[in-house]
Amino acid sequence: VFDHYNSRLTIIENLEKGKDSKMAEIISLVNKPTRSIYSFTPGDISANMPDEDYKKMVTKAKEHCQRGDVFQLVLSRRYCQAYTGDDINVYRSLRAINPSPYLFYFDYGDFKIMGSSPEAQIVVRGSRVEIHPIAGTMKRTGNNEIDNEVAIKLANDPKENAEHNMLVDLARNDLSKHCDDVQVSKNKVIQYFSHVIHLVSKVIGKKPDDVSSFQVFEDTFPAGTLSGAPKYKAIELINKYEPKERGFYGGAIGYVNFNGDMNMAITIRSVLSKNQVLHYQAGAGIVISSVEEMELQEVDNKLKAIQEAVKMAATL
């Protein structure tokens, strides 16, 4: 595990009985790196739908809200960008541009997933379980004084608050399936990120000893902030309207300890690199009062950090 913030490498070996340690070999490899560093050159960006098609999707989502099919529906848009060179430079840039609670780069051989996610899917520490719903977004301006005014506007915006309240209630309901003493420990706290300002809450519960972390994960997946409410109907509508399956987007990535502790990030503000193509995606929560152009802008705002990281990667 490499801690990029403190530039510290931690090597952990779980050794089965009767097996020889490989620690010395690993340390030797670390001390004699042979991996070449290649330049990075990005190509043009393409979206899986035009702006007007996304706005038409938003209109359809509002109609479902008006009919009472859902209270909120999260609809997303995917971007692709070919490249040549070494995609590690994208991650190096992303962690510098958009430092977030979850920074990760996973190399699976024929594809890689990297990201700077602000949001936990689920956190389990002993019997304590946490969900951190993020809903309510406004663009940062680059001026701290103006950003503070934007934050006040966000905190008092009826549409953004309604959206957030729905998803906090959904998180409470999800945790209540197998957890006791479910409560909102933090409600609608303003948090600043590199390109956006969010409303963030924390919902906690107590997991009984006979309930596994995986059961709680199942209860809460996918996150309501990536689907909508009611969750099952929202997922049906996402499947109906979005032109392609989401793949990695809106999933979860993290770790599970041997004692059952779990920490999973939602794969947002994240990039899939496969066959020399970068794939990244973002969505907006649609409610009855949504404005089509504003929801389109929210999607674009959420992807600014990734797109700037791709540009920066070409200069490293």
Protein backbone atom coordinates (compact mmCIF):
# COMPACT_ATOMS: atom_id res chain seq x y z
CA VAL A 1 0.00 0.00 0.00
CA PHE A 2 1.49 3.33 -1.04
CA ASP A 3 0.38 6.40 0.91
CA HIS A 4 0.77 9.18 -1.64
CA TYR A 5 0.06 11.91 0.89
CA ASN A 6 2.95 10.92 3.17
CA SER A 7 5.06 9.16 0.48
CA ARG A 8 5.13 6.01 2.60
CA LEU A 9 5.06 2.41 1.37
CA THR A 10 3.64 -0.31 3.65
CA ILE A 11 4.22 -3.97 2.74
CA ILE A 12 2.06 -6.58 4.47
CA GLU A 13 2.53 -10.32 4.03
CA ASN A 14 -0.15 -12.82 5.06
CA LEU A 15 1.84 -16.03 5.26
CA GLU A 16 0.15 -19.43 5.24
CA LYS A 17 1.53 -22.12 7.54
CA GLY A 18 4.35 -24.01 5.87
CA LYS A 19 4.93 -21.37 3.18
CA ASP A 20 8.19 -19.47 2.75
CA SER A 21 8.22 -15.72 3.16
CA LYS A 22 8.56 -13.60 0.02
CA MET A 23 9.14 -10.38 1.94
CA ALA A 24 12.87 -10.12 1.17
CA GLU A 25 12.19 -10.66 -2.53
CA ILE A 26 9.51 -7.96 -2.56
CA ILE A 27 11.73 -5.47 -0.73
CA SER A 28 14.52 -6.19 -3.22
CA LEU A 29 12.17 -5.43 -6.12
CA VAL A 30 11.04 -2.20 -4.49
CA ASN A 31 14.62 -1.07 -3.98
CA LYS A 32 15.50 -1.80 -7.62
CA PRO A 33 12.62 -0.46 -9.70
CA THR A 34 12.94 -1.29 -13.39
CA ARG A 35 9.60 -0.01 -14.67
CA SER A 36 10.00 2.50 -17.46
CA ILE A 37 8.08 5.75 -17.43
CA TYR A 38 6.41 6.65 -20.71
CA SER A 39 4.87 9.90 -21.83
CA PHE A 40 1.11 10.35 -22.06
CA THR A 41 -0.81 11.86 -24.97
CA PRO A 42 -4.63 12.15 -24.83
CA GLY A 43 -6.97 12.15 -27.79
CA ASP A 44 -10.34 13.80 -28.34
CA ILE A 45 -13.25 13.42 -25.91
CA SER A 46 -16.49 11.79 -27.05
CA ALA A 47 -19.75 11.40 -25.11
CA ASN A 48 -22.20 8.50 -25.35
CA MET A 49 -25.00 10.96 -26.10
CA PRO A 50 -25.36 14.57 -27.29
CA ASP A 51 -26.30 17.33 -24.84
CA GLU A 52 -29.86 17.46 -26.17
CA ASP A 53 -30.37 13.73 -25.65
CA TYR A 54 -29.27 14.01 -22.03
CA LYS A 55 -31.68 16.89 -21.47
CA LYS A 56 -34.48 14.79 -23.01
CA MET A 57 -33.65 12.05 -20.48
CA VAL A 58 -33.95 14.62 -17.70
CA THR A 59 -37.39 15.63 -19.00
CA LYS A 60 -38.51 11.99 -18.96
CA ALA A 61 -37.20 11.59 -15.41
CA LYS A 62 -39.20 14.64 -14.31
CA GLU A 63 -42.32 13.09 -15.83
CA HIS A 64 -41.76 9.95 -13.74
CA CYS A 65 -41.38 12.16 -10.67
CA GLN A 66 -44.64 13.93 -11.51
CA ARG A 67 -46.45 10.60 -11.86
CA GLY A 68 -45.09 9.43 -8.53
CA ASP A 69 -43.05 6.54 -9.96
CA VAL A 70 -39.95 7.90 -8.20
CA PHE A 71 -39.07 10.85 -6.01
CA GLN A 72 -35.62 11.12 -7.53
CA LEU A 73 -33.76 9.50 -10.42
CA VAL A 74 -29.99 9.69 -11.01
CA LEU A 75 -29.18 9.67 -14.73
CA SER A 76 -25.61 9.62 -15.99
CA ARG A 77 -23.54 10.30 -19.07
CA ARG A 78 -20.32 8.56 -20.13
CA TYR A 79 -17.25 9.98 -21.84
CA CYS A 80 -14.46 8.15 -23.67
CA GLN A 81 -11.00 9.38 -24.58
CA ALA A 82 -8.30 7.45 -26.42
CA TYR A 83 -4.68 7.91 -25.40
CA THR A 84 -1.14 6.73 -25.98
CA GLY A 85 1.50 6.28 -23.31
CA ASP A 86 1.31 5.58 -19.58
CA ASP A 87 -2.05 6.10 -17.86
CA ILE A 88 -0.41 6.25 -14.40
CA ASN A 89 0.17 9.91 -15.21
CA VAL A 90 -3.60 10.47 -15.19
CA TYR A 91 -3.80 9.15 -11.65
CA ARG A 92 -0.78 11.17 -10.54
CA SER A 93 -2.49 14.29 -11.86
CA LEU A 94 -5.91 13.41 -10.47
CA ARG A 95 -4.70 12.95 -6.90
CA ALA A 96 -2.95 16.34 -7.11
CA ILE A 97 -5.88 18.21 -8.66
CA ASN A 98 -8.69 16.56 -6.70
CA PRO A 99 -7.47 15.20 -3.32
CA SER A 100 -10.36 13.22 -1.84
CA PRO A 101 -11.09 10.81 1.01
CA TYR A 102 -10.54 7.86 -1.35
CA LEU A 103 -7.60 7.81 -3.77
CA PHE A 104 -6.92 4.55 -5.61
CA TYR A 105 -5.17 2.96 -8.59
CA PHE A 106 -5.91 -0.72 -9.19
CA ASP A 107 -4.10 -2.60 -11.97
CA TYR A 108 -6.05 -5.72 -12.97
CA GLY A 109 -3.79 -6.62 -15.90
CA ASP A 110 -5.95 -5.98 -18.95
CA PHE A 111 -7.66 -2.96 -17.39
CA LYS A 112 -7.10 -0.43 -14.60
CA ILE A 113 -9.41 1.57 -12.34
CA MET A 114 -8.22 4.82 -10.80
CA GLY A 115 -10.10 7.50 -8.95
CA SER A 116 -10.48 10.24 -6.36
CA SER A 117 -13.86 9.42 -4.87
CA PRO A 118 -15.39 11.72 -2.26
CA GLU A 119 -18.04 9.27 -1.07
CA ALA A 120 -18.11 6.06 0.98
CA GLN A 121 -20.41 3.26 -0.13
CA ILE A 122 -20.18 1.65 3.32
CA VAL A 123 -17.77 1.76 6.27
CA VAL A 124 -17.82 -1.01 8.89
CA ARG A 125 -15.64 -0.81 12.01
CA GLY A 126 -16.54 -3.50 14.50
CA SER A 127 -20.27 -3.13 15.09
CA ARG A 128 -20.42 0.47 13.83
CA VAL A 129 -21.69 0.97 10.28
CA GLU A 130 -21.59 4.28 8.38
CA ILE A 131 -22.97 5.68 5.13
CA HIS A 132 -21.98 9.18 4.00
CA PRO A 133 -24.65 10.40 1.54
CA ILE A 134 -23.49 13.19 -0.77
CA ALA A 135 -26.26 15.01 -2.61
CA GLY A 136 -26.54 18.67 -3.48
CA THR A 137 -23.90 20.15 -5.75
CA MET A 138 -22.78 23.58 -6.90
CA LYS A 139 -19.75 24.61 -8.93
CA ARG A 140 -16.77 26.29 -7.29
CA THR A 141 -15.66 29.62 -8.73
CA GLY A 142 -11.99 29.69 -7.73
CA ASN A 143 -12.63 32.68 -5.45
CA ASN A 144 -12.93 31.76 -1.76
CA GLU A 145 -15.25 34.63 -0.86
CA ILE A 146 -17.60 33.88 -3.73
CA ASP A 147 -17.40 30.15 -2.94
CA ASN A 148 -18.59 30.89 0.60
CA GLU A 149 -21.58 32.72 -0.87
CA VAL A 150 -22.23 29.76 -3.18
CA ALA A 151 -22.07 27.43 -0.17
CA ILE A 152 -24.70 29.49 1.66
CA LYS A 153 -26.87 29.41 -1.46
CA LEU A 154 -26.44 25.62 -1.64
CA ALA A 155 -27.34 25.17 2.03
CA ASN A 156 -30.57 27.12 1.51
CA ASP A 157 -31.55 25.83 -1.93
CA PRO A 158 -34.95 24.05 -1.70
CA LYS A 159 -34.29 21.70 -4.61
CA GLU A 160 -30.83 20.62 -3.39
CA ASN A 161 -32.11 20.15 0.17
CA ALA A 162 -35.09 18.09 -0.98
CA GLU A 163 -32.79 15.86 -3.02
CA HIS A 164 -30.44 15.42 -0.07
CA ASN A 165 -33.21 14.66 2.42
CA MET A 166 -34.60 11.89 0.19
CA LEU A 167 -31.23 10.17 0.00
CA VAL A 168 -30.56 10.47 3.73
CA ASP A 169 -33.93 8.80 4.34
CA LEU A 170 -32.99 6.08 1.84
CA ALA A 171 -29.68 5.49 3.64
CA ARG A 172 -31.53 5.18 6.95
CA ASN A 173 -33.94 2.67 5.44
CA ASP A 174 -31.11 0.62 3.92
CA LEU A 175 -29.21 0.42 7.21
CA SER A 176 -32.37 -0.39 9.15
CA LYS A 177 -32.72 -3.73 7.31
CA HIS A 178 -30.09 -5.38 9.52
CA CYS A 179 -28.75 -2.66 11.85
CA ASP A 180 -30.04 -1.27 15.13
CA ASP A 181 -30.03 2.27 16.53
CA VAL A 182 -29.87 3.92 13.09
CA GLN A 183 -29.49 7.69 13.27
CA VAL A 184 -28.20 10.71 11.36
CA SER A 185 -25.05 11.82 13.18
CA LYS A 186 -24.20 14.65 10.75
CA ASN A 187 -26.75 16.39 8.58
CA LYS A 188 -26.09 18.47 5.47
CA VAL A 189 -22.56 19.62 6.24
CA ILE A 190 -20.94 21.80 3.58
CA GLN A 191 -17.80 20.24 2.09
CA TYR A 192 -15.48 21.83 -0.46
CA PHE A 193 -13.81 19.80 -3.19
CA SER A 194 -11.54 20.96 -5.99
CA HIS A 195 -14.27 21.86 -8.49
CA VAL A 196 -17.57 21.50 -6.62
CA ILE A 197 -19.24 22.11 -3.26
CA HIS A 198 -21.37 19.33 -1.78
CA LEU A 199 -23.88 18.76 1.00
CA VAL A 200 -22.70 15.74 3.03
CA SER A 201 -24.38 13.78 5.82
CA LYS A 202 -23.44 10.77 7.93
CA VAL A 203 -25.88 7.98 8.78
CA ILE A 204 -24.75 5.42 11.37
CA GLY A 205 -26.08 2.17 12.79
CA LYS A 206 -25.05 -0.74 15.00
CA LYS A 207 -24.54 -4.13 13.36
CA PRO A 208 -25.55 -7.17 15.43
CA ASP A 209 -22.83 -9.79 15.92
CA ASP A 210 -24.71 -12.37 13.82
CA VAL A 211 -24.93 -10.04 10.79
CA SER A 212 -21.95 -10.03 8.41
CA SER A 213 -20.44 -6.96 6.82
CA PHE A 214 -21.32 -8.42 3.43
CA GLN A 215 -25.00 -8.53 4.39
CA VAL A 216 -24.93 -4.82 5.25
CA PHE A 217 -23.08 -4.12 2.00
CA GLU A 218 -25.79 -5.98 0.10
CA ASP A 219 -28.49 -3.98 1.90
CA THR A 220 -26.98 -0.67 0.85
CA PHE A 221 -25.73 -1.40 -2.68
CA PRO A 222 -25.95 0.37 -5.03
CA ALA A 223 -25.82 3.69 -3.24
CA GLY A 224 -29.01 5.72 -3.34
CA THR A 225 -26.94 8.73 -4.40
CA LEU A 226 -26.13 6.88 -7.64
CA SER A 227 -29.60 5.45 -8.29
CA GLY A 228 -32.46 7.41 -6.74
CA ALA A 229 -35.51 6.72 -4.61
CA PRO A 230 -37.32 4.38 -4.36
CA LYS A 231 -34.17 2.50 -5.28
CA TYR A 232 -35.60 -0.52 -7.15
CA LYS A 233 -37.86 1.54 -9.39
CA ALA A 234 -35.04 4.00 -10.01
CA ILE A 235 -32.76 1.18 -11.13
CA GLU A 236 -35.44 -0.07 -13.54
CA LEU A 237 -35.70 3.40 -15.10
CA ILE A 238 -31.93 3.80 -15.31
CA ASN A 239 -31.80 0.51 -17.22
CA LYS A 240 -34.55 1.78 -19.51
CA TYR A 241 -33.14 5.21 -20.35
CA GLU A 242 -29.34 5.07 -20.15
CA PRO A 243 -27.97 3.79 -23.49
CA LYS A 244 -25.28 1.52 -22.02
CA GLU A 245 -24.72 -0.49 -18.87
CA ARG A 246 -22.81 1.48 -16.26
CA GLY A 247 -20.02 -1.03 -15.78
CA PHE A 248 -17.63 0.19 -13.08
CA TYR A 249 -19.45 3.51 -12.59
CA GLY A 250 -21.44 3.66 -9.37
CA GLY A 251 -19.92 0.43 -8.10
CA ALA A 252 -17.73 0.06 -5.03
CA ILE A 253 -14.01 -0.44 -4.51
CA GLY A 254 -12.12 -0.89 -1.27
CA TYR A 255 -11.08 -3.52 1.22
CA VAL A 256 -12.36 -6.06 3.74
CA ASN A 257 -10.23 -7.06 6.73
CA PHE A 258 -10.06 -10.58 8.12
CA ASN A 259 -12.04 -9.37 11.15
CA GLY A 260 -14.91 -8.21 8.92
CA ASP A 261 -14.14 -4.50 8.95
CA MET A 262 -14.92 -2.96 5.57
CA ASN A 263 -14.26 0.35 3.85
CA MET A 264 -15.71 0.80 0.37
CA ALA A 265 -15.66 3.87 -1.84
CA ILE A 266 -18.25 4.53 -4.52
CA THR A 267 -16.53 4.51 -7.91
CA ILE A 268 -17.33 8.07 -8.88
CA ARG A 269 -14.82 10.70 -10.06
CA SER A 270 -13.12 7.56 -11.33
CA VAL A 271 -11.62 6.33 -14.60
CA LEU A 272 -11.53 2.93 -16.28
CA SER A 273 -8.52 2.50 -18.55
CA LYS A 274 -8.83 -0.35 -21.05
CA ASN A 275 -7.40 -0.95 -24.53
CA GLN A 276 -5.80 2.51 -24.58
CA VAL A 277 -9.13 4.24 -23.91
CA LEU A 278 -10.18 6.16 -20.78
CA HIS A 279 -13.82 5.85 -19.71
CA TYR A 280 -15.38 8.15 -17.11
CA GLN A 281 -18.93 8.97 -16.15
CA ALA A 282 -21.05 11.22 -13.92
CA GLY A 283 -24.72 11.71 -13.16
CA ALA A 284 -27.19 14.16 -11.68
CA GLY A 285 -30.09 13.59 -9.33
CA ILE A 286 -33.33 14.53 -11.08
CA VAL A 287 -36.33 15.67 -9.05
CA ILE A 288 -39.62 17.23 -10.08
CA SER A 289 -38.20 20.78 -9.91
CA SER A 290 -35.06 20.03 -11.93
CA VAL A 291 -34.03 22.29 -14.81
CA GLU A 292 -32.63 20.36 -17.77
CA GLU A 293 -29.72 22.69 -18.52
CA MET A 294 -28.71 22.85 -14.85
CA GLU A 295 -28.59 19.06 -14.55
CA LEU A 296 -26.44 18.84 -17.68
CA GLN A 297 -24.07 21.40 -16.15
CA GLU A 298 -23.92 19.42 -12.89
CA VAL A 299 -22.71 16.36 -14.78
CA ASP A 300 -20.04 18.40 -16.54
CA ASN A 301 -18.95 20.08 -13.29
CA LYS A 302 -18.41 16.71 -11.62
CA LEU A 303 -16.09 15.65 -14.44
CA LYS A 304 -13.97 18.81 -14.56
CA ALA A 305 -11.31 17.37 -12.25
CA ILE A 306 -10.88 14.25 -14.39
CA GLN A 307 -10.71 16.20 -17.64
CA GLU A 308 -8.15 18.60 -16.17
CA ALA A 309 -6.14 15.65 -14.85
CA VAL A 310 -6.02 14.14 -18.35
CA LYS A 311 -4.70 17.45 -19.72
CA MET A 312 -2.14 17.73 -16.92
CA ALA A 313 -0.97 14.13 -17.47
CA ALA A 314 0.32 15.13 -20.89
CA THR A 315 2.72 17.61 -19.27
CA LEU A 316 4.36 15.26 -16.75
